Amino acid sequence: MEMFLDYLWVFLIGGTICAIGELLIITTNITSARILVTFVLVGVFLEAVGVYDYISDFAKAGVNVPIIGFGASLARGAIGAVKTHGLLGAFTGGLTATAGGIAAAVGFAFLFALIFKSHTKK
């Protein structure tokens, strides 16, 4: 029963984050790319002020899987690299921390571009 409740929380929190993004797309003139950047910045901000880990402990994958988790990973990598490498770490740490996810996204995008024929929406 406890595992079911964990899955329910993940679904509700992740779904709420996605619903907020969808509401922003529907009700405003903000483009989806700007909304994604905003969500990344929310993750960076939450990590920078030190509350992302508390939210992540509670929400688990519901907040880690959406783009907010990517922003937090970027910030966590940059903060850690600054502590070990100085100012240069601010530029390299985020990419080092998220290199696996970025490489997977580029690789899958390339694979799907080969398999499927893209077209514009009408």
Foldseek 3Di string as FASTA:
>chain_A
DVVVVLVVLLCVLLVVLVVVLVCCVVPHPDDSVVVLVVLLVQLLVCLVVPNVVVVCVVNPNSCCVRSSVLSVQLNVQLVVQCVVPNPVSNVVRSCVSCVVVVVVVVVVVVVVVVVDPDDDDD
